[in-house]
Structures are given as C-alpha cells and as structure tokens.
N, C-alpha and C. Protein backbone atom coordinates (compact mmCIF):
# COMPACT_ATOMS: atom_id res chain seq x y z
N UNK A 1 11.70 -2.90 -18.37
CA UNK A 1 11.24 -1.67 -17.76
C UNK A 1 11.73 -1.55 -16.33
N UNK A 2 11.77 -2.66 -15.60
CA UNK A 2 12.24 -2.60 -14.22
C UNK A 2 13.76 -2.68 -14.14
N UNK A 3 14.46 -2.78 -15.29
CA UNK A 3 15.91 -2.82 -15.27
C UNK A 3 16.50 -1.50 -14.79
N UNK A 4 15.81 -0.40 -15.08
CA UNK A 4 16.29 0.91 -14.64
C UNK A 4 16.08 1.12 -13.15
N UNK A 5 15.19 0.35 -12.55
CA UNK A 5 14.87 0.47 -11.13
C UNK A 5 15.41 -0.76 -10.42
N UNK A 6 16.53 -0.66 -9.71
CA UNK A 6 17.16 -1.86 -9.12
C UNK A 6 16.42 -2.45 -7.93
N UNK A 7 15.62 -1.67 -7.23
CA UNK A 7 14.95 -2.17 -6.03
C UNK A 7 13.44 -2.22 -6.28
N UNK A 8 12.84 -3.37 -6.03
CA UNK A 8 11.39 -3.46 -6.18
C UNK A 8 10.83 -4.37 -5.10
N UNK A 9 9.55 -4.15 -4.79
CA UNK A 9 8.86 -4.98 -3.80
C UNK A 9 7.36 -4.90 -4.07
N UNK A 10 6.63 -5.78 -3.38
CA UNK A 10 5.19 -5.89 -3.57
C UNK A 10 4.49 -5.73 -2.22
N UNK A 11 3.37 -5.05 -2.22
CA UNK A 11 2.54 -4.91 -1.03
C UNK A 11 1.10 -5.22 -1.37
N UNK A 12 0.40 -5.83 -0.42
CA UNK A 12 -1.01 -6.20 -0.64
C UNK A 12 -1.86 -5.72 0.53
N UNK A 13 -3.11 -5.35 0.22
CA UNK A 13 -4.09 -5.00 1.24
C UNK A 13 -5.47 -5.21 0.65
N UNK A 14 -6.28 -6.02 1.29
CA UNK A 14 -7.60 -6.42 0.79
C UNK A 14 -7.44 -6.96 -0.63
N UNK A 15 -8.02 -6.31 -1.62
CA UNK A 15 -7.90 -6.77 -3.01
C UNK A 15 -6.85 -5.99 -3.79
N UNK A 16 -6.19 -5.03 -3.17
CA UNK A 16 -5.23 -4.17 -3.86
C UNK A 16 -3.84 -4.78 -3.84
N UNK A 17 -3.14 -4.68 -4.97
CA UNK A 17 -1.77 -5.15 -5.09
C UNK A 17 -0.94 -3.99 -5.65
N UNK A 18 0.15 -3.67 -4.96
CA UNK A 18 1.02 -2.57 -5.40
C UNK A 18 2.42 -3.11 -5.65
N UNK A 19 2.98 -2.74 -6.80
CA UNK A 19 4.36 -3.05 -7.14
C UNK A 19 5.12 -1.75 -7.15
N UNK A 20 6.19 -1.67 -6.33
CA UNK A 20 6.96 -0.44 -6.19
C UNK A 20 8.36 -0.66 -6.71
N UNK A 21 8.83 0.30 -7.52
CA UNK A 21 10.19 0.27 -8.07
C UNK A 21 10.90 1.52 -7.60
N UNK A 22 12.08 1.35 -6.98
CA UNK A 22 12.86 2.48 -6.44
C UNK A 22 14.22 2.55 -7.11
N UNK A 23 14.69 3.79 -7.30
CA UNK A 23 16.07 4.01 -7.71
C UNK A 23 16.52 5.36 -7.17
N UNK A 24 17.82 5.56 -7.12
CA UNK A 24 18.36 6.84 -6.66
C UNK A 24 17.89 7.94 -7.60
N UNK A 25 17.50 9.08 -7.04
CA UNK A 25 17.00 10.15 -7.89
C UNK A 25 16.68 11.40 -7.10
N UNK A 26 15.76 12.19 -7.67
CA UNK A 26 15.47 13.51 -7.11
C UNK A 26 14.12 13.61 -6.44
N UNK A 27 13.44 12.50 -6.23
CA UNK A 27 12.20 12.54 -5.48
C UNK A 27 10.94 12.52 -6.32
N UNK A 28 11.02 12.17 -7.60
CA UNK A 28 9.81 12.07 -8.41
C UNK A 28 9.08 10.78 -8.08
N UNK A 29 7.76 10.85 -8.08
CA UNK A 29 6.95 9.66 -7.79
C UNK A 29 5.79 9.60 -8.76
N UNK A 30 5.63 8.45 -9.41
CA UNK A 30 4.53 8.23 -10.35
C UNK A 30 3.73 7.02 -9.88
N UNK A 31 2.41 7.15 -9.91
CA UNK A 31 1.51 6.04 -9.58
C UNK A 31 0.67 5.78 -10.83
N UNK A 32 0.82 4.59 -11.40
CA UNK A 32 0.14 4.21 -12.63
C UNK A 32 0.34 5.24 -13.75
N UNK A 33 1.56 5.78 -13.84
CA UNK A 33 1.90 6.73 -14.89
C UNK A 33 1.46 8.15 -14.62
N UNK A 34 0.80 8.40 -13.50
CA UNK A 34 0.35 9.74 -13.14
C UNK A 34 1.10 10.25 -11.92
N UNK A 35 1.08 11.53 -11.71
CA UNK A 35 1.69 12.12 -10.52
C UNK A 35 0.96 11.60 -9.28
N UNK A 36 1.71 11.31 -8.23
CA UNK A 36 1.10 10.72 -7.03
C UNK A 36 0.10 11.65 -6.37
N UNK A 37 0.29 12.97 -6.45
CA UNK A 37 -0.65 13.90 -5.85
C UNK A 37 -1.96 13.95 -6.64
N UNK A 38 -1.87 13.65 -7.92
CA UNK A 38 -3.06 13.61 -8.75
C UNK A 38 -3.83 12.31 -8.52
N UNK A 39 -3.10 11.20 -8.36
CA UNK A 39 -3.75 9.89 -8.18
C UNK A 39 -4.39 9.77 -6.80
N UNK A 40 -3.62 10.10 -5.74
CA UNK A 40 -4.15 10.10 -4.38
C UNK A 40 -4.43 11.55 -4.00
N UNK A 41 -5.59 12.04 -4.38
CA UNK A 41 -5.89 13.47 -4.22
C UNK A 41 -6.20 13.84 -2.77
N UNK A 42 -6.70 12.93 -1.98
CA UNK A 42 -7.06 13.22 -0.59
C UNK A 42 -5.80 13.20 0.28
N UNK A 43 -5.69 14.14 1.21
CA UNK A 43 -4.48 14.25 2.02
C UNK A 43 -4.29 13.04 2.94
N UNK A 44 -5.35 12.36 3.32
CA UNK A 44 -5.24 11.18 4.18
C UNK A 44 -4.48 10.07 3.45
N UNK A 45 -4.81 9.87 2.19
CA UNK A 45 -4.13 8.84 1.41
C UNK A 45 -2.71 9.24 1.08
N UNK A 46 -2.48 10.53 0.84
CA UNK A 46 -1.12 11.02 0.60
C UNK A 46 -0.25 10.81 1.83
N UNK A 47 -0.82 11.04 3.00
CA UNK A 47 -0.07 10.86 4.23
C UNK A 47 0.29 9.39 4.44
N UNK A 48 -0.65 8.49 4.14
CA UNK A 48 -0.36 7.05 4.24
C UNK A 48 0.75 6.65 3.29
N UNK A 49 0.71 7.21 2.09
CA UNK A 49 1.69 6.87 1.06
C UNK A 49 3.09 7.34 1.43
N UNK A 50 3.20 8.55 1.97
CA UNK A 50 4.51 9.17 2.20
C UNK A 50 5.06 8.97 3.61
N UNK A 51 4.30 8.34 4.50
CA UNK A 51 4.72 8.22 5.90
C UNK A 51 6.02 7.43 6.04
N UNK A 52 6.20 6.37 5.27
CA UNK A 52 7.43 5.58 5.37
C UNK A 52 8.64 6.40 4.96
N UNK A 53 8.48 7.23 3.93
CA UNK A 53 9.59 8.10 3.51
C UNK A 53 9.89 9.16 4.55
N UNK A 54 8.85 9.73 5.17
CA UNK A 54 9.09 10.79 6.15
C UNK A 54 9.73 10.25 7.43
N UNK A 55 9.41 9.01 7.81
CA UNK A 55 10.04 8.43 8.99
C UNK A 55 11.53 8.15 8.78
N UNK A 56 11.88 7.71 7.57
CA UNK A 56 13.28 7.39 7.26
C UNK A 56 14.01 8.57 6.64
N UNK A 57 13.30 9.69 6.40
CA UNK A 57 13.87 10.92 5.82
C UNK A 57 14.55 10.65 4.48
N UNK A 58 13.86 9.95 3.61
CA UNK A 58 14.42 9.57 2.30
C UNK A 58 13.56 10.04 1.12
N UNK A 59 12.63 10.94 1.33
CA UNK A 59 11.67 11.29 0.29
C UNK A 59 12.35 11.89 -0.94
N UNK A 60 13.29 12.78 -0.77
CA UNK A 60 13.92 13.46 -1.90
C UNK A 60 15.09 12.69 -2.48
N UNK A 61 15.36 11.48 -2.01
CA UNK A 61 16.53 10.73 -2.45
C UNK A 61 16.23 9.63 -3.45
N UNK A 62 14.96 9.34 -3.71
CA UNK A 62 14.60 8.23 -4.58
C UNK A 62 13.57 8.64 -5.61
N UNK A 63 13.68 8.04 -6.80
CA UNK A 63 12.61 8.11 -7.78
C UNK A 63 11.78 6.86 -7.60
N UNK A 64 10.47 7.02 -7.57
CA UNK A 64 9.57 5.91 -7.27
C UNK A 64 8.58 5.75 -8.42
N UNK A 65 8.40 4.51 -8.86
CA UNK A 65 7.35 4.18 -9.82
C UNK A 65 6.48 3.11 -9.19
N UNK A 66 5.18 3.34 -9.15
CA UNK A 66 4.25 2.41 -8.50
C UNK A 66 3.20 1.97 -9.51
N UNK A 67 2.99 0.66 -9.59
CA UNK A 67 1.87 0.10 -10.34
C UNK A 67 0.93 -0.51 -9.31
N UNK A 68 -0.28 -0.01 -9.25
CA UNK A 68 -1.24 -0.50 -8.26
C UNK A 68 -2.55 -0.84 -8.97
N UNK A 69 -3.16 -1.96 -8.54
CA UNK A 69 -4.41 -2.37 -9.16
C UNK A 69 -5.28 -3.05 -8.14
N UNK A 70 -6.58 -3.06 -8.40
CA UNK A 70 -7.54 -3.75 -7.54
C UNK A 70 -7.91 -2.95 -6.31
N UNK A 71 -9.03 -3.31 -5.72
CA UNK A 71 -9.45 -2.70 -4.47
C UNK A 71 -9.88 -1.26 -4.61
N UNK A 72 -10.03 -0.62 -3.47
CA UNK A 72 -10.41 0.78 -3.43
C UNK A 72 -9.20 1.66 -3.19
N UNK A 73 -9.43 2.94 -3.08
CA UNK A 73 -8.33 3.90 -2.96
C UNK A 73 -7.60 3.75 -1.63
N UNK A 74 -8.31 3.44 -0.55
CA UNK A 74 -7.68 3.26 0.75
C UNK A 74 -6.81 2.01 0.77
N UNK A 75 -7.33 0.92 0.25
CA UNK A 75 -6.55 -0.31 0.18
C UNK A 75 -5.32 -0.14 -0.70
N UNK A 76 -5.46 0.62 -1.79
CA UNK A 76 -4.33 0.87 -2.66
C UNK A 76 -3.26 1.69 -1.96
N UNK A 77 -3.66 2.69 -1.19
CA UNK A 77 -2.69 3.52 -0.46
C UNK A 77 -1.95 2.69 0.58
N UNK A 78 -2.65 1.82 1.28
CA UNK A 78 -2.00 1.00 2.30
C UNK A 78 -1.12 -0.08 1.67
N UNK A 79 -1.50 -0.60 0.51
CA UNK A 79 -0.65 -1.55 -0.21
C UNK A 79 0.62 -0.88 -0.68
N UNK A 80 0.51 0.36 -1.15
CA UNK A 80 1.69 1.12 -1.57
C UNK A 80 2.61 1.39 -0.39
N UNK A 81 2.03 1.72 0.75
CA UNK A 81 2.85 1.98 1.94
C UNK A 81 3.64 0.75 2.36
N UNK A 82 3.00 -0.42 2.33
CA UNK A 82 3.69 -1.66 2.68
C UNK A 82 4.81 -1.96 1.70
N UNK A 83 4.56 -1.78 0.41
CA UNK A 83 5.57 -2.06 -0.61
C UNK A 83 6.75 -1.10 -0.50
N UNK A 84 6.47 0.18 -0.24
CA UNK A 84 7.54 1.17 -0.08
C UNK A 84 8.38 0.83 1.15
N UNK A 85 7.73 0.45 2.23
CA UNK A 85 8.45 0.10 3.45
C UNK A 85 9.35 -1.11 3.23
N UNK A 86 8.85 -2.11 2.51
CA UNK A 86 9.67 -3.28 2.22
C UNK A 86 10.86 -2.93 1.34
N UNK A 87 10.65 -2.06 0.36
CA UNK A 87 11.74 -1.66 -0.52
C UNK A 87 12.80 -0.86 0.24
N UNK A 88 12.36 0.01 1.15
CA UNK A 88 13.33 0.78 1.95
C UNK A 88 14.15 -0.12 2.85
N UNK A 89 13.57 -1.22 3.31
CA UNK A 89 14.31 -2.19 4.12
C UNK A 89 15.33 -2.94 3.28
N UNK A 90 15.02 -3.19 2.02
CA UNK A 90 15.98 -3.84 1.13
C UNK A 90 17.18 -2.94 0.87
N UNK A 91 16.93 -1.65 0.75
CA UNK A 91 18.00 -0.70 0.45
C UNK A 91 18.93 -0.53 1.64
N UNK A 92 18.34 -0.32 2.82
CA UNK A 92 19.14 -0.12 4.03
C UNK A 92 18.50 -0.88 5.18
N UNK A 93 19.16 -1.93 5.71
CA UNK A 93 18.57 -2.71 6.80
C UNK A 93 18.35 -1.91 8.09
N UNK A 94 18.97 -0.76 8.24
CA UNK A 94 18.77 0.08 9.43
C UNK A 94 17.36 0.67 9.47
N UNK A 95 16.74 0.79 8.30
CA UNK A 95 15.38 1.32 8.24
C UNK A 95 14.36 0.36 8.85
N UNK A 96 14.72 -0.91 8.94
CA UNK A 96 13.79 -1.93 9.39
C UNK A 96 13.25 -1.67 10.80
N UNK A 97 14.12 -1.31 11.72
CA UNK A 97 13.68 -1.10 13.11
C UNK A 97 12.73 0.08 13.22
N UNK A 98 12.98 1.13 12.45
CA UNK A 98 12.10 2.31 12.49
C UNK A 98 10.73 1.97 11.94
N UNK A 99 10.71 1.31 10.78
CA UNK A 99 9.43 1.00 10.13
C UNK A 99 8.66 -0.08 10.87
N UNK A 100 9.37 -1.04 11.44
CA UNK A 100 8.71 -2.12 12.17
C UNK A 100 8.04 -1.60 13.44
N UNK A 101 8.68 -0.64 14.12
CA UNK A 101 8.09 -0.10 15.35
C UNK A 101 6.80 0.66 15.07
N UNK A 102 6.65 1.21 13.87
CA UNK A 102 5.42 1.90 13.49
C UNK A 102 4.41 0.98 12.83
N UNK A 103 4.75 -0.30 12.64
CA UNK A 103 3.82 -1.28 12.10
C UNK A 103 3.68 -1.24 10.59
N UNK A 104 4.67 -0.70 9.88
CA UNK A 104 4.56 -0.59 8.43
C UNK A 104 5.04 -1.83 7.70
N UNK A 105 5.63 -2.78 8.39
CA UNK A 105 6.13 -3.99 7.73
C UNK A 105 5.20 -5.19 7.91
N UNK A 106 4.15 -5.02 8.69
CA UNK A 106 3.20 -6.12 8.88
C UNK A 106 2.01 -5.89 7.97
N UNK A 107 1.67 -6.90 7.20
CA UNK A 107 0.54 -6.74 6.28
C UNK A 107 -0.75 -7.00 7.03
N UNK A 108 -1.77 -6.24 6.72
CA UNK A 108 -3.07 -6.37 7.35
C UNK A 108 -3.84 -7.44 6.58
N UNK A 109 -4.08 -8.57 7.20
CA UNK A 109 -4.63 -9.73 6.49
C UNK A 109 -6.15 -9.75 6.46
N UNK A 110 -6.81 -8.74 7.01
CA UNK A 110 -8.28 -8.75 7.02
C UNK A 110 -8.83 -8.60 5.60
N UNK A 111 -9.79 -9.44 5.27
CA UNK A 111 -10.44 -9.40 3.97
C UNK A 111 -11.96 -9.37 4.19
N UNK A 112 -12.70 -9.09 3.14
CA UNK A 112 -14.16 -9.08 3.23
C UNK A 112 -14.65 -10.52 3.31
N UNK A 113 -15.51 -10.77 4.29
CA UNK A 113 -16.07 -12.12 4.45
C UNK A 113 -17.12 -12.36 3.38
N UNK A 114 -17.14 -13.57 2.84
CA UNK A 114 -18.06 -13.85 1.74
C UNK A 114 -19.49 -14.01 2.24
N UNK A 115 -20.45 -13.76 1.34
CA UNK A 115 -21.86 -13.96 1.65
C UNK A 115 -22.17 -15.45 1.61
N UNK A 116 -22.93 -15.92 2.61
CA UNK A 116 -23.32 -17.33 2.66
C UNK A 116 -24.73 -17.50 2.09
N UNK A 117 -24.99 -18.66 1.52
CA UNK A 117 -26.32 -18.92 0.97
C UNK A 117 -27.31 -19.08 2.12
N UNK A 118 -28.54 -18.69 1.86
CA UNK A 118 -29.58 -18.76 2.88
C UNK A 118 -29.52 -17.61 3.87
N UNK A 119 -28.66 -16.64 3.62
CA UNK A 119 -28.54 -15.46 4.48
C UNK A 119 -28.60 -14.22 3.62
N UNK A 120 -28.88 -13.07 4.27
CA UNK A 120 -28.92 -11.81 3.53
C UNK A 120 -27.53 -11.34 3.16
N UNK A 121 -26.61 -11.38 4.13
CA UNK A 121 -25.23 -10.94 3.90
C UNK A 121 -24.31 -11.97 4.53
N UNK A 122 -23.07 -11.58 4.83
CA UNK A 122 -22.11 -12.53 5.37
C UNK A 122 -22.56 -13.06 6.73
N UNK A 123 -23.08 -12.17 7.57
CA UNK A 123 -23.50 -12.60 8.92
C UNK A 123 -24.97 -12.32 9.21
N UNK A 124 -25.58 -11.39 8.46
CA UNK A 124 -26.97 -11.04 8.70
C UNK A 124 -27.87 -12.14 8.16
N UNK A 125 -28.87 -12.49 8.97
CA UNK A 125 -29.80 -13.55 8.56
C UNK A 125 -31.12 -12.93 8.14
N UNK A 126 -31.97 -13.74 7.47
CA UNK A 126 -33.33 -13.29 7.19
C UNK A 126 -34.11 -13.29 8.50
N UNK A 127 -35.16 -12.46 8.57
CA UNK A 127 -35.95 -12.36 9.78
C UNK A 127 -36.64 -13.68 10.06
N UNK A 128 -36.58 -14.09 11.33
CA UNK A 128 -37.17 -15.37 11.74
C UNK A 128 -38.46 -15.10 12.48
N UNK A 129 -39.56 -15.75 12.06
CA UNK A 129 -40.83 -15.61 12.76
C UNK A 129 -41.18 -16.98 13.37
N UNK A 130 -41.45 -16.97 14.66
CA UNK A 130 -41.75 -18.22 15.35
C UNK A 130 -43.19 -18.66 15.09
N UNK A 131 -44.14 -17.71 15.10
CA UNK A 131 -45.55 -18.07 14.86
C UNK A 131 -46.15 -17.22 13.78
C-alpha cells in the first residue's frame, strides 16, 4: 500500500501517532480514509495540519494519506503536522530551515504524568488534618 507513496514519515504527540505518506499529485488529502476537512472539522486543527504546507507553498503539489491513531484530536493534529514537516524535509532539504525556524521539526515531549498511590491525582494530595 505504501509502494505508491514514495515518501513517508512518522510524528508523535502525547499518545497520538501519525503516519504520513506523500507523493506527487493534485493536492488530495485523506486522514484515516476520510477527507481531512471532515476528520478535522474545527478550523484550529485544520490550520495546525496545513501550516507546514502553507509555509513551504506545497499544498497543491502532493497527494497525502495519513493514518493516525491514539490520543485526542489536538494531539492527532500536532502529530500529523510533525510527520508532514518531516516528510517535506525528506523531499527537499531546503524546506528544513523554514520549518525548523517555526518549530515544526521539534517534537513536543510532554506527556500526562501518572497518578501516584496514596494521592488523589498525579500531584494533588488528600486533605491533611493536623488535629
């Protein structure tokens, strides 16, 4: 299936993992088999998804297929943005300086801190009474 798409990369954010496949084309984009505007219906997530293409002015030049799983919709959009940015750098190394200056090539490593035993949440404690 990925034989038709010569360029691929992976992006991660929180629990979301996105696999992006790029090839020369007319600008069609599918996310999990659906149209990207249907999958990311909110304009904030659409902007995150398409920002790497708009900076490099390559939106109408590639067909994109994205498989994304895990996490929430925001984490999925940011994972897709990282994967698209990495794939654009593989295609043309000149894109790297543009995308790096906007911070699209650095992965955000923040994750949810786990809940500890003997506490209410990760950092919140039970109420302490002295007397």
